[in-house]
Each structure stands twice: as structure tokens, then as C-alpha cells.
Amino acid sequence: MIGLLIFLFGVFVTLGMCALAARSDYKGFKIPNIVSLVIVAAFGVTYGLLALSGQREVFFKPIGMHIAAAFLVLMVTAALYSFQKLGAGDSKFATAISLWVGLGGLVPFLFYMSLAGGVIAAASLYIQKKKPFHSPPDGGWIDMAQKGSGNVPYGIAIALGALVSFVYLGFFNVSQWEMMF
């Protein structure tokens, strides 16, 4: 029971940080470093406490698989950052989430993140062309898109990819929760 509470606390802290990152990216194309730091810390504490209680295998793979996923995402997103295709905050945020999903959940995470990113990019193109909003808040995504900026708040896509991959991995599956009793 304690293991389940620890796990759910870690998951909801992470999802709360995802919401904060998405909102911040939407409002000003910035993801604070503290978001990624809290997500990594939440993973470390959750993983460590579940490992100590002998319940790690209910939701997590061996630690090497989670670190490998984070390393892969960091390498790819750092390359995208170097070509100015992705922001540094997006890179750190995606890397932190990949710790949670590990190698087993990496493909669904990347797929749904990319799908959401494509929808947001398409919406951005529509907003650029049609300018459907009257006086949006200054500096936000909609304002910038209406002014012709090609920037996309990818933090929203990363947050949505995280949520869907958490569902895919069974983080909200009650039958998996029962294994922790």
C-alpha cells in the first residue's frame, strides 16, 4: 500500500510538472530548468523507494533501461538543439520524461509526442495564415504565430506524450495497482 502511494505521488508530481512546462511553453516559449529537475528527482525517489520495498518491478524495468532511454533522448534532442530545431528546455524536459518511461515506453512516448507536435505545428500554420484571434496575449504562442513566427511550443507535445505513455505503461491501471498490496 505504501509503495502504491509513493508511486502515485511520483507520477502526479511528474504530471503536475508536465502541466507547468506546457503552460510555460505556451505562454512564453520557456520551460524552467526546475521542471526537469523535479521530474528527475521524483523519478529517483520513486524508483529508489520502490526498489527498497521490493516493488520496483511492478512498474519499472532495471535502472539501466531507464538511464539508456534518457541517454538516447538526450543525444537526439541535443543534436536537434544544435541545429536550432528544438529548444534546450524541450531537450531537458523530454530527457527527464524518458527516465520515467524507460526503453519499454520510449517508442509510444516519442510517437505520441511527435503526433501532438505535428498537430500543434499544423495549428500554428493555420493561425499564421488565418489570424483567427483578436488581440491574443503578448508574447504567447498564438500571438507569435499570428505575427508569423514558426516557433512551436513543443513542451505541450512532450507533456501530452508523457501522459499518453503513462497510460500505455499501465501507470493508471488498477489491476497493476493491486499487485502492490
C-alpha atoms as a PDB file:
ATOM      1  CA  MET A   1       0.000   0.000   0.000  1.00  0.00           C
ATOM      2  CA  ILE A   2       2.801   2.424   0.888  1.00  0.00           C
ATOM      3  CA  GLY A   3       4.556   1.540  -2.381  1.00  0.00           C
ATOM      4  CA  LEU A   4       1.444   2.452  -4.359  1.00  0.00           C
ATOM      5  CA  LEU A   5       1.136   5.789  -2.573  1.00  0.00           C
ATOM      6  CA  ILE A   6       4.800   6.552  -3.246  1.00  0.00           C
ATOM      7  CA  PHE A   7       4.374   5.608  -6.897  1.00  0.00           C
ATOM      8  CA  LEU A   8       1.211   7.676  -7.392  1.00  0.00           C
ATOM      9  CA  PHE A   9       2.774  10.656  -5.628  1.00  0.00           C
ATOM     10  CA  GLY A  10       5.757  10.498  -8.006  1.00  0.00           C
ATOM     11  CA  VAL A  11       3.521  10.148 -11.061  1.00  0.00           C
ATOM     12  CA  PHE A  12       1.280  13.054 -10.086  1.00  0.00           C
ATOM     13  CA  VAL A  13       4.237  15.292  -9.215  1.00  0.00           C
ATOM     14  CA  THR A  14       5.626  14.497 -12.662  1.00  0.00           C
ATOM     15  CA  LEU A  15       2.316  15.183 -14.402  1.00  0.00           C
ATOM     16  CA  GLY A  16       1.974  18.423 -12.455  1.00  0.00           C
ATOM     17  CA  MET A  17       5.392  19.470 -13.704  1.00  0.00           C
ATOM     18  CA  CYS A  18       4.296  18.489 -17.227  1.00  0.00           C
ATOM     19  CA  ALA A  19       1.305  20.816 -16.930  1.00  0.00           C
ATOM     20  CA  LEU A  20       3.551  23.603 -15.651  1.00  0.00           C
ATOM     21  CA  ALA A  21       6.013  23.088 -18.520  1.00  0.00           C
ATOM     22  CA  ALA A  22       3.231  23.055 -21.122  1.00  0.00           C
ATOM     23  CA  ARG A  23       1.701  26.242 -19.728  1.00  0.00           C
ATOM     24  CA  SER A  24       5.053  27.999 -19.519  1.00  0.00           C
ATOM     25  CA  ASP A  25       5.994  26.995 -23.061  1.00  0.00           C
ATOM     26  CA  TYR A  26       2.589  28.110 -24.354  1.00  0.00           C
ATOM     27  CA  LYS A  27       2.832  31.494 -22.648  1.00  0.00           C
ATOM     28  CA  GLY A  28       6.435  32.357 -23.485  1.00  0.00           C
ATOM     29  CA  PHE A  29       8.394  29.535 -25.136  1.00  0.00           C
ATOM     30  CA  LYS A  30      10.337  28.838 -21.935  1.00  0.00           C
ATOM     31  CA  ILE A  31      10.483  25.709 -19.798  1.00  0.00           C
ATOM     32  CA  PRO A  32      12.105  26.409 -16.420  1.00  0.00           C
ATOM     33  CA  ASN A  33      15.013  24.117 -15.505  1.00  0.00           C
ATOM     34  CA  ILE A  34      13.356  23.360 -12.174  1.00  0.00           C
ATOM     35  CA  VAL A  35      10.642  21.423 -14.030  1.00  0.00           C
ATOM     36  CA  SER A  36      13.121  18.891 -15.409  1.00  0.00           C
ATOM     37  CA  LEU A  37      14.987  18.763 -12.105  1.00  0.00           C
ATOM     38  CA  VAL A  38      11.807  17.984 -10.141  1.00  0.00           C
ATOM     39  CA  ILE A  39      10.814  15.286 -12.669  1.00  0.00           C
ATOM     40  CA  VAL A  40      14.236  13.622 -12.385  1.00  0.00           C
ATOM     41  CA  ALA A  41      14.137  13.874  -8.577  1.00  0.00           C
ATOM     42  CA  ALA A  42      10.605  12.441  -8.468  1.00  0.00           C
ATOM     43  CA  PHE A  43      11.751   9.518 -10.600  1.00  0.00           C
ATOM     44  CA  GLY A  44      14.841   8.923  -8.459  1.00  0.00           C
ATOM     45  CA  VAL A  45      12.934   8.970  -5.190  1.00  0.00           C
ATOM     46  CA  THR A  46      10.056   6.858  -6.536  1.00  0.00           C
ATOM     47  CA  TYR A  47      12.318   4.301  -8.180  1.00  0.00           C
ATOM     48  CA  GLY A  48      14.615   4.106  -5.164  1.00  0.00           C
ATOM     49  CA  LEU A  49      11.863   3.684  -2.597  1.00  0.00           C
ATOM     50  CA  LEU A  50      10.048   1.077  -4.701  1.00  0.00           C
ATOM     51  CA  ALA A  51      13.326  -0.804  -5.184  1.00  0.00           C
ATOM     52  CA  LEU A  52      13.947  -0.771  -1.430  1.00  0.00           C
ATOM     53  CA  SER A  53      10.433  -2.070  -0.788  1.00  0.00           C
ATOM     54  CA  GLY A  54      10.831  -4.834  -3.388  1.00  0.00           C
ATOM     55  CA  GLN A  55       8.035  -3.464  -5.592  1.00  0.00           C
ATOM     56  CA  ARG A  56      10.092  -1.824  -8.334  1.00  0.00           C
ATOM     57  CA  GLU A  57       9.273  -4.457 -10.964  1.00  0.00           C
ATOM     58  CA  VAL A  58       5.525  -3.697 -10.865  1.00  0.00           C
ATOM     59  CA  PHE A  59       6.025  -0.504 -12.893  1.00  0.00           C
ATOM     60  CA  PHE A  60       9.721  -0.150 -13.658  1.00  0.00           C
ATOM     61  CA  LYS A  61      12.409  -2.078 -15.507  1.00  0.00           C
ATOM     62  CA  PRO A  62      16.026  -2.315 -14.286  1.00  0.00           C
ATOM     63  CA  ILE A  63      17.553   1.139 -13.812  1.00  0.00           C
ATOM     64  CA  GLY A  64      19.897   0.722 -16.780  1.00  0.00           C
ATOM     65  CA  MET A  65      16.950   0.636 -19.169  1.00  0.00           C
ATOM     66  CA  HIS A  66      15.652   3.932 -17.827  1.00  0.00           C
ATOM     67  CA  ILE A  67      19.072   5.578 -17.969  1.00  0.00           C
ATOM     68  CA  ALA A  68      19.614   4.257 -21.513  1.00  0.00           C
ATOM     69  CA  ALA A  69      16.305   5.787 -22.629  1.00  0.00           C
ATOM     70  CA  ALA A  70      17.254   9.134 -21.109  1.00  0.00           C
ATOM     71  CA  PHE A  71      20.700   8.997 -22.728  1.00  0.00           C
ATOM     72  CA  LEU A  72      19.219   8.239 -26.164  1.00  0.00           C
ATOM     73  CA  VAL A  73      16.709  11.064 -25.904  1.00  0.00           C
ATOM     74  CA  LEU A  74      19.375  13.459 -24.642  1.00  0.00           C
ATOM     75  CA  MET A  75      21.675  12.650 -27.572  1.00  0.00           C
ATOM     76  CA  VAL A  76      18.954  13.104 -30.196  1.00  0.00           C
ATOM     77  CA  THR A  77      17.442  16.233 -28.659  1.00  0.00           C
ATOM     78  CA  ALA A  78      20.886  17.785 -28.083  1.00  0.00           C
ATOM     79  CA  ALA A  79      21.590  17.282 -31.787  1.00  0.00           C
ATOM     80  CA  LEU A  80      18.247  18.896 -32.648  1.00  0.00           C
ATOM     81  CA  TYR A  81      19.119  21.774 -30.325  1.00  0.00           C
ATOM     82  CA  SER A  82      22.489  22.253 -32.022  1.00  0.00           C
ATOM     83  CA  PHE A  83      20.669  22.657 -35.350  1.00  0.00           C
ATOM     84  CA  GLN A  84      18.186  25.052 -33.681  1.00  0.00           C
ATOM     85  CA  LYS A  85      15.250  22.702 -34.325  1.00  0.00           C
ATOM     86  CA  LEU A  86      14.381  22.255 -30.639  1.00  0.00           C
ATOM     87  CA  GLY A  87      14.850  24.379 -27.550  1.00  0.00           C
ATOM     88  CA  ALA A  88      17.183  23.470 -24.692  1.00  0.00           C
ATOM     89  CA  GLY A  89      14.252  23.361 -22.263  1.00  0.00           C
ATOM     90  CA  ASP A  90      12.426  20.954 -24.565  1.00  0.00           C
ATOM     91  CA  SER A  91      15.524  18.742 -24.678  1.00  0.00           C
ATOM     92  CA  LYS A  92      15.864  18.618 -20.900  1.00  0.00           C
ATOM     93  CA  PHE A  93      12.126  18.098 -20.409  1.00  0.00           C
ATOM     94  CA  ALA A  94      11.934  15.197 -22.897  1.00  0.00           C
ATOM     95  CA  THR A  95      15.041  13.624 -21.352  1.00  0.00           C
ATOM     96  CA  ALA A  96      13.530  13.806 -17.859  1.00  0.00           C
ATOM     97  CA  ILE A  97      10.285  12.185 -19.031  1.00  0.00           C
ATOM     98  CA  SER A  98      12.212   9.425 -20.812  1.00  0.00           C
ATOM     99  CA  LEU A  99      13.629   8.387 -17.433  1.00  0.00           C
ATOM    100  CA  TRP A 100      10.081   7.567 -16.349  1.00  0.00           C
ATOM    101  CA  VAL A 101       9.126   5.627 -19.485  1.00  0.00           C
ATOM    102  CA  GLY A 102      12.393   3.713 -19.944  1.00  0.00           C
ATOM    103  CA  LEU A 103      13.230   1.801 -23.100  1.00  0.00           C
ATOM    104  CA  GLY A 104       9.952  -0.135 -22.942  1.00  0.00           C
ATOM    105  CA  GLY A 105       7.844   3.002 -23.161  1.00  0.00           C
ATOM    106  CA  LEU A 106      10.152   5.116 -25.291  1.00  0.00           C
ATOM    107  CA  VAL A 107       8.553   4.343 -28.670  1.00  0.00           C
ATOM    108  CA  PRO A 108       4.995   5.174 -27.515  1.00  0.00           C
ATOM    109  CA  PHE A 109       6.278   8.323 -25.793  1.00  0.00           C
ATOM    110  CA  LEU A 110       8.109   9.513 -28.894  1.00  0.00           C
ATOM    111  CA  PHE A 111       5.221   8.554 -31.187  1.00  0.00           C
ATOM    112  CA  TYR A 112       2.548  10.408 -29.227  1.00  0.00           C
ATOM    113  CA  MET A 113       4.863  13.341 -28.574  1.00  0.00           C
ATOM    114  CA  SER A 114       5.537  13.610 -32.319  1.00  0.00           C
ATOM    115  CA  LEU A 115       1.867  13.238 -33.157  1.00  0.00           C
ATOM    116  CA  ALA A 116       0.923  16.019 -30.736  1.00  0.00           C
ATOM    117  CA  GLY A 117       3.795  18.143 -32.047  1.00  0.00           C
ATOM    118  CA  GLY A 118       2.515  17.719 -35.592  1.00  0.00           C
ATOM    119  CA  VAL A 119      -0.979  18.797 -34.582  1.00  0.00           C
ATOM    120  CA  ILE A 120       0.424  21.851 -32.783  1.00  0.00           C
ATOM    121  CA  ALA A 121       2.604  22.713 -35.802  1.00  0.00           C
ATOM    122  CA  ALA A 122      -0.413  22.409 -38.117  1.00  0.00           C
ATOM    123  CA  ALA A 123      -2.418  24.639 -35.774  1.00  0.00           C
ATOM    124  CA  SER A 124       0.446  27.128 -35.809  1.00  0.00           C
ATOM    125  CA  LEU A 125       0.412  27.217 -39.616  1.00  0.00           C
ATOM    126  CA  TYR A 126      -3.351  27.724 -39.597  1.00  0.00           C
ATOM    127  CA  ILE A 127      -3.045  30.562 -37.078  1.00  0.00           C
ATOM    128  CA  GLN A 128      -0.281  32.176 -39.165  1.00  0.00           C
ATOM    129  CA  LYS A 129      -2.407  32.088 -42.288  1.00  0.00           C
ATOM    130  CA  LYS A 130      -5.910  32.894 -40.964  1.00  0.00           C
ATOM    131  CA  LYS A 131      -5.087  35.020 -37.883  1.00  0.00           C
ATOM    132  CA  PRO A 132      -8.341  33.961 -36.182  1.00  0.00           C
ATOM    133  CA  PHE A 133      -7.706  35.550 -32.761  1.00  0.00           C
ATOM    134  CA  HIS A 134      -8.323  39.190 -31.884  1.00  0.00           C
ATOM    135  CA  SER A 135      -5.602  40.626 -29.623  1.00  0.00           C
ATOM    136  CA  PRO A 136      -4.104  37.464 -28.051  1.00  0.00           C
ATOM    137  CA  PRO A 137      -1.829  37.938 -25.006  1.00  0.00           C
ATOM    138  CA  ASP A 138       1.543  39.428 -25.979  1.00  0.00           C
ATOM    139  CA  GLY A 139       4.479  37.050 -26.294  1.00  0.00           C
ATOM    140  CA  GLY A 140       2.474  33.840 -26.174  1.00  0.00           C
ATOM    141  CA  TRP A 141       2.353  31.154 -28.825  1.00  0.00           C
ATOM    142  CA  ILE A 142      -0.815  32.418 -30.525  1.00  0.00           C
ATOM    143  CA  ASP A 143       0.466  35.998 -30.612  1.00  0.00           C
ATOM    144  CA  MET A 144       3.793  34.892 -32.068  1.00  0.00           C
ATOM    145  CA  ALA A 145       2.119  32.607 -34.621  1.00  0.00           C
ATOM    146  CA  GLN A 146      -0.163  35.404 -35.794  1.00  0.00           C
ATOM    147  CA  LYS A 147       2.919  37.597 -36.201  1.00  0.00           C
ATOM    148  CA  GLY A 148       4.474  34.964 -38.492  1.00  0.00           C
ATOM    149  CA  SER A 149       6.808  33.125 -36.108  1.00  0.00           C
ATOM    150  CA  GLY A 150       7.410  29.483 -36.934  1.00  0.00           C
ATOM    151  CA  ASN A 151       8.133  28.555 -33.318  1.00  0.00           C
ATOM    152  CA  VAL A 152       6.061  25.755 -31.817  1.00  0.00           C
ATOM    153  CA  PRO A 153       5.616  25.239 -28.048  1.00  0.00           C
ATOM    154  CA  TYR A 154       6.882  21.656 -28.109  1.00  0.00           C
ATOM    155  CA  GLY A 155       6.600  21.432 -24.320  1.00  0.00           C
ATOM    156  CA  ILE A 156       2.871  20.891 -24.841  1.00  0.00           C
ATOM    157  CA  ALA A 157       3.594  17.935 -27.124  1.00  0.00           C
ATOM    158  CA  ILE A 158       6.103  16.473 -24.657  1.00  0.00           C
ATOM    159  CA  ALA A 159       3.569  16.760 -21.822  1.00  0.00           C
ATOM    160  CA  LEU A 160       0.850  15.072 -23.892  1.00  0.00           C
ATOM    161  CA  GLY A 161       3.281  12.339 -24.959  1.00  0.00           C
ATOM    162  CA  ALA A 162       4.151  11.760 -21.302  1.00  0.00           C
ATOM    163  CA  LEU A 163       0.508  11.469 -20.272  1.00  0.00           C
ATOM    164  CA  VAL A 164      -0.384   9.018 -23.051  1.00  0.00           C
ATOM    165  CA  SER A 165       2.742   6.924 -22.483  1.00  0.00           C
ATOM    166  CA  PHE A 166       1.981   6.745 -18.746  1.00  0.00           C
ATOM    167  CA  VAL A 167      -1.444   5.363 -19.651  1.00  0.00           C
ATOM    168  CA  TYR A 168       0.168   2.960 -22.157  1.00  0.00           C
ATOM    169  CA  LEU A 169       2.611   1.721 -19.497  1.00  0.00           C
ATOM    170  CA  GLY A 170      -0.266   0.970 -17.119  1.00  0.00           C
ATOM    171  CA  PHE A 171       0.538   3.643 -14.562  1.00  0.00           C
ATOM    172  CA  PHE A 172      -3.217   4.198 -14.120  1.00  0.00           C
ATOM    173  CA  ASN A 173      -4.231   0.538 -14.425  1.00  0.00           C
ATOM    174  CA  VAL A 174      -5.967  -0.549 -11.228  1.00  0.00           C
ATOM    175  CA  SER A 175      -5.106  -4.221 -11.819  1.00  0.00           C
ATOM    176  CA  GLN A 176      -1.413  -3.268 -11.743  1.00  0.00           C
ATOM    177  CA  TRP A 177      -2.002  -1.252  -8.592  1.00  0.00           C
ATOM    178  CA  GLU A 178      -3.446  -4.369  -6.939  1.00  0.00           C
ATOM    179  CA  MET A 179      -0.064  -6.065  -7.376  1.00  0.00           C
ATOM    180  CA  MET A 180       1.339  -3.623  -4.819  1.00  0.00           C
ATOM    181  CA  PHE A 181      -0.880  -4.864  -1.981  1.00  0.00           C
END
